[in-house]
């Protein structure tokens, strides 16, 4: 009696509870490894449908015309690229990058067939991004990275983004953003008023934190990663070696500074005294909550559970005090710009400011210098007139 042939087709339950079929397929020997190549095709609604697909694949394999599915769309190429990209950058950078793709690039280009994307399509989207976004060049650069990856993998031969013309007309939104950024700092008088109002509030932690940002020029993440071991009350110095950052799934983690370079900065007596007083108050307040703040790596600023403080808290605090006292509006990062511009007003050199703020490129310092306070601008012309003496 002939032995009954066992069918390779197997059933399984799909996501919606429906009965579907899958079939394993032998694809021959891999010439690179010498091993057998196998794959599984699934999603067939009937056994007959699976049998027909299996027969076609076997015929294609026998004729040497079978090709496994390749990425076809921009989205599919992006999915391949992003796995490699994640291995090359900081987690926080990766999170920001996928946000740019999710918000701007994939909604526009994700469904396109990769080989059908041409320069006119790319130009259309660059023009669209330029009409809405201040940093449209960055969006274009990221969109282009995926096509460069496609070239390396042999999907296309040239990158059409290389041939687009960058718009020279600046959008009204971009102009507004530039104007907002130009005002993102306080004058000496405005800073004194801001800190005075903060000091009157019950949130002493916010006062100490914002004073530190204004008098040190530290980045927000650097201040939130600061531990008491980083402060030297004898020499009035701060050691800045790390920064708090946002990773995947909104996870807070400590990384190196933005430039990867540690720096030590000198602080004024009053701010160090304020910090020393805050250390005592922190110990007392957290002791009442049953928390020990005397551990070696105790954070200078932490939440009610003595864990990392959410960076969004700072935005909430600064908006509250600005609204309550009808103060000029700046962002938390604006305090760093404030420190920079007031350093220049006080007579600090470009190099001194660059080192203190931790800029690797002097151009970054110069860009902030262009946003110095009106007082500095006014004094510049007065100095000029006094020098000419006509």
Protein backbone atom coordinates (compact mmCIF):
# COMPACT_ATOMS: atom_id res chain seq x y z
CA UNK A 1 0.00 0.00 0.00
CA UNK A 2 1.40 3.39 -1.04
CA UNK A 3 2.36 5.71 1.79
CA UNK A 4 0.09 8.73 2.03
CA UNK A 5 1.94 11.96 1.19
CA UNK A 6 1.93 14.48 4.02
CA UNK A 7 1.03 17.98 2.87
CA UNK A 8 3.49 20.71 3.88
CA UNK A 9 0.60 23.18 4.11
CA UNK A 10 -0.39 23.96 7.68
CA UNK A 11 -3.25 25.97 9.13
CA UNK A 12 -2.95 28.70 11.74
CA UNK A 13 -5.16 31.33 13.35
CA UNK A 14 -4.83 34.89 12.07
CA UNK A 15 -5.02 38.08 14.12
CA UNK A 16 -8.77 38.35 13.55
CA UNK A 17 -9.35 34.75 14.60
CA UNK A 18 -9.80 33.55 11.03
CA UNK A 19 -8.32 30.28 9.78
CA UNK A 20 -5.41 30.82 7.39
CA UNK A 21 -2.76 28.65 5.75
CA UNK A 22 1.02 28.78 5.47
CA UNK A 23 3.45 26.77 3.39
CA UNK A 24 7.24 26.22 3.77
CA UNK A 25 9.23 26.61 0.55
CA UNK A 26 12.65 25.18 -0.38
CA UNK A 27 14.61 27.71 -2.45
CA UNK A 28 17.75 25.71 -3.21
CA UNK A 29 21.34 26.18 -2.02
CA UNK A 30 22.74 29.58 -1.02
CA UNK A 31 25.85 30.06 -3.17
CA UNK A 32 27.42 32.30 -0.50
CA UNK A 33 27.07 29.95 2.48
CA UNK A 34 26.47 26.56 0.86
CA UNK A 35 23.44 26.10 3.12
CA UNK A 36 19.84 25.41 2.16
CA UNK A 37 17.59 28.41 1.68
CA UNK A 38 14.04 28.17 2.95
CA UNK A 39 11.21 30.60 3.47
CA UNK A 40 7.57 30.52 4.55
CA UNK A 41 4.66 32.07 2.69
CA UNK A 42 1.55 32.71 4.71
CA UNK A 43 -1.82 34.43 4.65
CA UNK A 44 -3.63 32.04 2.26
CA UNK A 45 -7.36 31.72 2.85
CA UNK A 46 -7.72 28.23 1.37
CA UNK A 47 -5.55 25.14 0.91
CA UNK A 48 -6.08 25.41 -2.85
CA UNK A 49 -4.72 28.97 -2.87
CA UNK A 50 -1.65 27.84 -0.91
CA UNK A 51 -1.07 24.89 -3.25
CA UNK A 52 -1.19 27.12 -6.34
CA UNK A 53 1.29 29.59 -4.77
CA UNK A 54 3.62 26.73 -3.83
CA UNK A 55 3.50 25.32 -7.38
CA UNK A 56 4.32 28.73 -8.91
CA UNK A 57 7.28 29.26 -6.55
CA UNK A 58 8.65 25.77 -7.28
CA UNK A 59 8.43 26.47 -11.01
CA UNK A 60 10.19 29.84 -10.62
CA UNK A 61 12.91 28.24 -8.49
CA UNK A 62 13.43 25.51 -11.08
CA UNK A 63 13.66 28.10 -13.89
CA UNK A 64 15.94 30.36 -11.86
CA UNK A 65 13.46 33.23 -12.03
CA UNK A 66 12.37 33.33 -8.36
CA UNK A 67 13.21 36.52 -6.44
CA UNK A 68 12.40 37.00 -2.79
CA UNK A 69 10.41 40.15 -2.02
CA UNK A 70 12.53 43.27 -1.91
CA UNK A 71 11.71 46.58 -0.30
CA UNK A 72 9.71 48.60 -2.81
CA UNK A 73 8.47 51.74 -1.07
CA UNK A 74 10.22 54.64 0.68
CA UNK A 75 8.68 53.41 3.95
CA UNK A 76 10.18 49.92 3.48
CA UNK A 77 13.62 51.35 2.68
CA UNK A 78 13.31 53.63 5.73
CA UNK A 79 12.52 50.59 7.90
CA UNK A 80 15.80 49.00 6.76
CA UNK A 81 17.80 52.22 7.10
CA UNK A 82 16.56 53.15 10.57
CA UNK A 83 17.79 49.83 12.05
CA UNK A 84 21.33 50.68 10.93
CA UNK A 85 21.04 54.36 11.85
CA UNK A 86 20.08 53.52 15.44
CA UNK A 87 23.47 51.85 15.92
CA UNK A 88 25.38 55.01 14.95
CA UNK A 89 23.87 57.75 17.14
CA UNK A 90 22.97 58.58 20.74
CA UNK A 91 19.57 57.31 21.85
CA UNK A 92 18.26 60.86 22.31
CA UNK A 93 19.35 61.78 18.77
CA UNK A 94 17.64 58.66 17.44
CA UNK A 95 14.38 59.59 19.17
CA UNK A 96 14.47 63.11 17.68
CA UNK A 97 15.23 61.70 14.23
CA UNK A 98 12.35 59.24 14.14
CA UNK A 99 10.12 62.11 15.30
CA UNK A 100 11.14 64.13 12.23
CA UNK A 101 10.35 61.19 9.95
CA UNK A 102 7.05 60.46 11.69
CA UNK A 103 5.85 64.06 11.61
CA UNK A 104 7.14 65.33 8.27
CA UNK A 105 8.81 62.84 5.92
CA UNK A 106 6.92 59.53 6.06
CA UNK A 107 3.43 61.10 5.77
CA UNK A 108 4.63 62.82 2.58
CA UNK A 109 6.79 60.13 0.97
CA UNK A 110 6.24 56.81 2.75
CA UNK A 111 3.95 55.25 0.13
CA UNK A 112 6.08 56.17 -2.91
CA UNK A 113 7.68 53.40 -4.98
CA UNK A 114 11.38 53.93 -4.41
CA UNK A 115 12.38 53.71 -8.09
CA UNK A 116 9.63 56.16 -9.11
CA UNK A 117 10.83 59.03 -6.90
CA UNK A 118 12.31 61.75 -9.12
CA UNK A 119 13.64 65.28 -8.63
CA UNK A 120 10.28 67.01 -9.22
CA UNK A 121 8.67 64.96 -6.44
CA UNK A 122 11.52 65.81 -4.08
CA UNK A 123 11.39 69.49 -5.06
CA UNK A 124 7.66 69.60 -4.31
CA UNK A 125 8.18 68.31 -0.79
CA UNK A 126 11.20 70.50 -0.07
CA UNK A 127 9.11 73.54 -1.12
CA UNK A 128 6.30 72.34 1.14
CA UNK A 129 8.62 71.87 4.12
CA UNK A 130 10.20 75.29 3.52
CA UNK A 131 6.75 76.92 3.62
CA UNK A 132 6.03 75.47 7.06
CA UNK A 133 9.28 74.75 8.84
CA UNK A 134 12.20 76.89 9.90
CA UNK A 135 14.58 73.90 9.81
CA UNK A 136 13.39 72.55 6.47
CA UNK A 137 17.00 71.98 5.34
CA UNK A 138 17.45 69.46 8.16
CA UNK A 139 14.24 67.64 7.16
CA UNK A 140 15.46 67.50 3.56
CA UNK A 141 18.84 66.15 4.70
CA UNK A 142 17.22 63.32 6.67
CA UNK A 143 14.87 62.44 3.80
CA UNK A 144 17.92 62.28 1.56
CA UNK A 145 19.75 59.86 3.89
CA UNK A 146 17.20 57.14 3.16
CA UNK A 147 17.74 57.48 -0.59
CA UNK A 148 21.52 57.37 -0.11
CA UNK A 149 20.97 54.11 1.76
CA UNK A 150 18.87 52.86 -1.17
CA UNK A 151 21.78 53.62 -3.53
CA UNK A 152 24.19 51.61 -1.36
CA UNK A 153 21.78 48.67 -1.38
CA UNK A 154 21.34 48.79 -5.16
CA UNK A 155 17.70 49.87 -5.27
CA UNK A 156 18.40 53.10 -7.19
CA UNK A 157 21.41 54.64 -8.90
CA UNK A 158 21.14 58.35 -8.04
CA UNK A 159 19.63 60.47 -5.27
CA UNK A 160 17.11 62.99 -6.69
CA UNK A 161 17.40 65.12 -3.53
CA UNK A 162 20.90 66.04 -4.71
CA UNK A 163 19.35 68.01 -7.58
CA UNK A 164 16.64 70.02 -5.83
CA UNK A 165 16.87 73.81 -5.53
CA UNK A 166 16.65 75.10 -1.97
CA UNK A 167 13.99 77.83 -1.71
CA UNK A 168 15.34 81.33 -1.06
CA UNK A 169 11.99 82.76 -0.01
CA UNK A 170 11.65 82.37 3.74
CA UNK A 171 8.21 81.45 5.03
CA UNK A 172 6.32 83.77 7.34
CA UNK A 173 6.38 81.06 10.01
CA UNK A 174 10.16 80.83 9.76
CA UNK A 175 10.44 84.62 10.05
CA UNK A 176 8.27 84.56 13.16
CA UNK A 177 10.44 81.77 14.61
CA UNK A 178 13.58 83.82 13.97
CA UNK A 179 12.03 86.85 15.65
CA UNK A 180 11.01 84.75 18.63
CA UNK A 181 14.50 83.31 18.93
CA UNK A 182 16.04 86.77 18.70
CA UNK A 183 14.07 87.75 21.81
CA UNK A 184 14.80 84.53 23.70
CA UNK A 185 16.91 86.12 26.42
CA UNK A 186 16.60 88.62 29.26
CA UNK A 187 18.39 91.90 29.79
CA UNK A 188 20.21 92.38 33.08
CA UNK A 189 17.20 94.20 34.55
CA UNK A 190 14.72 91.59 33.29
CA UNK A 191 16.79 88.74 34.75
CA UNK A 192 16.94 90.44 38.16
CA UNK A 193 13.16 90.88 38.11
CA UNK A 194 12.59 87.28 37.03
CA UNK A 195 14.76 85.84 39.82
CA UNK A 196 13.27 88.24 42.37
CA UNK A 197 9.75 87.03 41.50
CA UNK A 198 10.87 83.41 41.67
CA UNK A 199 12.43 83.93 45.07
CA UNK A 200 9.07 85.14 46.43
CA UNK A 201 7.39 81.89 45.37
CA UNK A 202 7.13 78.77 47.55
CA UNK A 203 8.89 76.61 44.94
CA UNK A 204 12.43 77.07 46.25
CA UNK A 205 13.76 74.27 44.04
CA UNK A 206 12.69 76.20 40.93
CA UNK A 207 14.38 79.38 42.16
CA UNK A 208 17.69 77.60 42.81
CA UNK A 209 17.55 75.73 39.50
CA UNK A 210 16.74 78.78 37.35
CA UNK A 211 19.35 80.90 39.15
CA UNK A 212 21.94 78.20 38.47
CA UNK A 213 21.00 78.11 34.76
CA UNK A 214 21.20 81.90 34.50
CA UNK A 215 24.52 82.23 36.35
CA UNK A 216 26.26 79.19 34.83
CA UNK A 217 24.97 79.04 31.26
CA UNK A 218 24.51 75.28 31.67
CA UNK A 219 22.23 73.36 29.37
CA UNK A 220 19.00 72.17 30.99
CA UNK A 221 20.00 68.51 30.72
CA UNK A 222 23.39 69.23 32.29
CA UNK A 223 21.76 70.85 35.32
CA UNK A 224 19.27 68.00 35.77
CA UNK A 225 22.09 65.41 35.74
CA UNK A 226 24.18 67.36 38.27
CA UNK A 227 25.07 65.57 41.53
CA UNK A 228 26.43 67.15 44.69
CA UNK A 229 29.78 65.49 44.00
CA UNK A 230 30.05 67.75 40.94
CA UNK A 231 30.12 70.87 43.13
CA UNK A 232 33.20 72.14 44.93
CA UNK A 233 32.13 74.66 47.57
CA UNK A 234 35.75 75.35 48.51
CA UNK A 235 36.83 76.54 45.06
CA UNK A 236 33.34 77.65 43.88
CA UNK A 237 33.54 75.35 40.85
CA UNK A 238 31.12 73.11 38.97
CA UNK A 239 32.26 70.03 37.08
CA UNK A 240 29.97 69.39 34.10
CA UNK A 241 30.47 65.84 32.79
CA UNK A 242 27.03 64.54 31.83
CA UNK A 243 23.49 65.43 30.82
CA UNK A 244 19.99 64.06 31.32
CA UNK A 245 18.32 63.10 28.07
CA UNK A 246 15.11 61.57 26.75
CA UNK A 247 15.34 58.12 25.17
CA UNK A 248 12.88 55.67 23.66
CA UNK A 249 9.49 55.30 25.34
CA UNK A 250 10.12 58.62 27.16
CA UNK A 251 12.82 56.98 29.29
CA UNK A 252 15.15 59.43 31.03
CA UNK A 253 18.82 58.47 31.03
CA UNK A 254 22.21 60.07 31.64
CA UNK A 255 24.63 60.49 28.74
CA UNK A 256 27.76 62.52 28.08
CA UNK A 257 27.47 66.27 27.44
CA UNK A 258 26.21 67.40 24.04
CA UNK A 259 29.76 67.80 22.74
CA UNK A 260 31.10 64.79 24.63
CA UNK A 261 33.59 67.05 26.42
CA UNK A 262 33.60 67.67 30.19
CA UNK A 263 34.28 71.18 31.50
CA UNK A 264 34.81 72.90 34.86
CA UNK A 265 33.39 76.39 35.36
CA UNK A 266 33.83 78.98 38.10
CA UNK A 267 30.73 80.23 39.93
CA UNK A 268 29.94 83.37 41.92
CA UNK A 269 29.79 83.37 45.73
CA UNK A 270 26.04 84.16 45.95
CA UNK A 271 24.92 81.32 43.68
CA UNK A 272 27.14 78.83 45.51
CA UNK A 273 25.68 80.05 48.83
CA UNK A 274 22.16 79.55 47.43
CA UNK A 275 23.12 76.01 46.37
CA UNK A 276 24.65 75.22 49.76
CA UNK A 277 21.44 76.39 51.47
CA UNK A 278 19.39 74.28 49.03
CA UNK A 279 21.44 71.19 49.94
CA UNK A 280 20.42 71.61 53.60
CA UNK A 281 16.78 72.22 52.71
CA UNK A 282 16.74 69.24 50.34
CA UNK A 283 18.02 66.99 53.13
CA UNK A 284 15.32 68.19 55.53
CA UNK A 285 12.45 68.08 53.01
CA UNK A 286 13.28 64.63 51.68
CA UNK A 287 13.91 63.24 55.18
CA UNK A 288 10.26 64.00 55.94
CA UNK A 289 9.37 61.89 52.89
CA UNK A 290 11.56 59.06 54.18
CA UNK A 291 14.20 59.60 51.51
CA UNK A 292 17.96 59.69 52.07
CA UNK A 293 19.79 62.43 50.16
CA UNK A 294 23.23 61.64 51.60
CA UNK A 295 24.07 58.92 49.07
CA UNK A 296 27.24 59.45 46.97
CA UNK A 297 25.50 60.29 43.67
CA UNK A 298 22.61 62.32 45.03
CA UNK A 299 21.04 64.56 42.38
CA UNK A 300 21.06 68.28 43.06
CA UNK A 301 17.57 68.50 41.56
CA UNK A 302 15.20 65.52 41.74
CA UNK A 303 11.47 64.81 41.88
CA UNK A 304 9.33 63.84 44.88
CA UNK A 305 10.57 60.26 44.64
CA UNK A 306 14.20 61.45 44.53
CA UNK A 307 14.47 60.35 40.90
CA UNK A 308 15.22 62.28 37.72
CA UNK A 309 13.21 65.47 37.36
CA UNK A 310 11.15 65.56 34.16
CA UNK A 311 12.56 68.31 31.86
CA UNK A 312 8.99 69.39 31.04
CA UNK A 313 8.61 70.52 34.67
CA UNK A 314 10.97 73.43 33.99
CA UNK A 315 8.80 74.71 31.16
CA UNK A 316 5.75 74.54 33.41
CA UNK A 317 7.52 76.43 36.21
CA UNK A 318 8.93 79.19 34.02
CA UNK A 319 5.57 79.81 32.31
CA UNK A 320 3.81 79.96 35.68
CA UNK A 321 6.03 82.70 37.10
CA UNK A 322 6.11 84.66 33.83
CA UNK A 323 2.32 84.61 33.63
CA UNK A 324 1.74 85.42 37.30
CA UNK A 325 4.04 88.46 37.32
CA UNK A 326 3.47 89.46 33.65
CA UNK A 327 7.16 89.07 32.84
CA UNK A 328 8.74 88.97 29.40
CA UNK A 329 8.50 85.44 27.98
CA UNK A 330 11.61 83.36 27.30
CA UNK A 331 12.22 79.60 27.33
CA UNK A 332 14.38 77.70 29.77
CA UNK A 333 17.07 77.56 27.08
CA UNK A 334 16.75 81.34 26.88
CA UNK A 335 18.51 81.56 30.25
CA UNK A 336 21.58 80.05 28.57
CA UNK A 337 21.37 82.75 25.87
CA UNK A 338 20.90 85.32 28.64
CA UNK A 339 24.07 84.17 30.37
CA UNK A 340 25.98 84.34 27.11
CA UNK A 341 24.85 87.82 26.14
CA UNK A 342 25.42 89.24 29.64
CA UNK A 343 28.92 87.74 29.66
CA UNK A 344 29.67 89.73 26.50
CA UNK A 345 28.17 92.86 28.12
CA UNK A 346 30.43 92.30 31.12
CA UNK A 347 33.45 92.30 28.82
CA UNK A 348 34.22 88.58 28.51
CA UNK A 349 36.13 87.54 25.39
CA UNK A 350 34.71 85.31 22.67
CA UNK A 351 37.04 82.48 23.70
CA UNK A 352 36.09 82.78 27.38
CA UNK A 353 32.39 82.53 26.54
CA UNK A 354 32.96 79.62 24.16
CA UNK A 355 34.81 77.60 26.80
CA UNK A 356 32.34 78.40 29.58
CA UNK A 357 29.31 77.39 27.52
CA UNK A 358 30.99 74.27 26.18
CA UNK A 359 30.76 75.13 22.49
CA UNK A 360 33.13 73.09 20.30
CA UNK A 361 32.59 75.48 17.40
CA UNK A 362 33.15 79.20 17.89
CA UNK A 363 30.45 79.82 15.25
CA UNK A 364 27.84 78.62 17.74
CA UNK A 365 29.04 81.23 20.22
CA UNK A 366 29.02 83.88 17.50
CA UNK A 367 25.44 83.01 16.56
CA UNK A 368 24.34 83.72 20.12
CA UNK A 369 26.49 86.86 20.15
CA UNK A 370 24.33 88.24 17.33
CA UNK A 371 21.41 88.09 19.75
CA UNK A 372 23.00 90.30 22.43
CA UNK A 373 20.80 92.64 24.39
CA UNK A 374 19.66 96.03 23.16
CA UNK A 375 21.77 97.64 25.85
CA UNK A 376 24.92 96.12 24.36
CA UNK A 377 23.89 97.33 20.90
CA UNK A 378 23.23 100.84 22.20
CA UNK A 379 26.54 100.93 24.04
CA UNK A 380 28.38 99.86 20.90
CA UNK A 381 27.34 102.99 18.98
CA UNK A 382 28.03 105.19 22.03
CA UNK A 383 31.56 103.76 22.25
CA UNK A 384 31.98 104.39 18.52
CA UNK A 385 30.81 108.00 18.77
CA UNK A 386 33.00 108.60 21.80
CA UNK A 387 36.01 107.16 19.98
CA UNK A 388 35.47 109.22 16.82
CA UNK A 389 34.71 112.34 18.92
CA UNK A 390 33.35 114.50 16.09
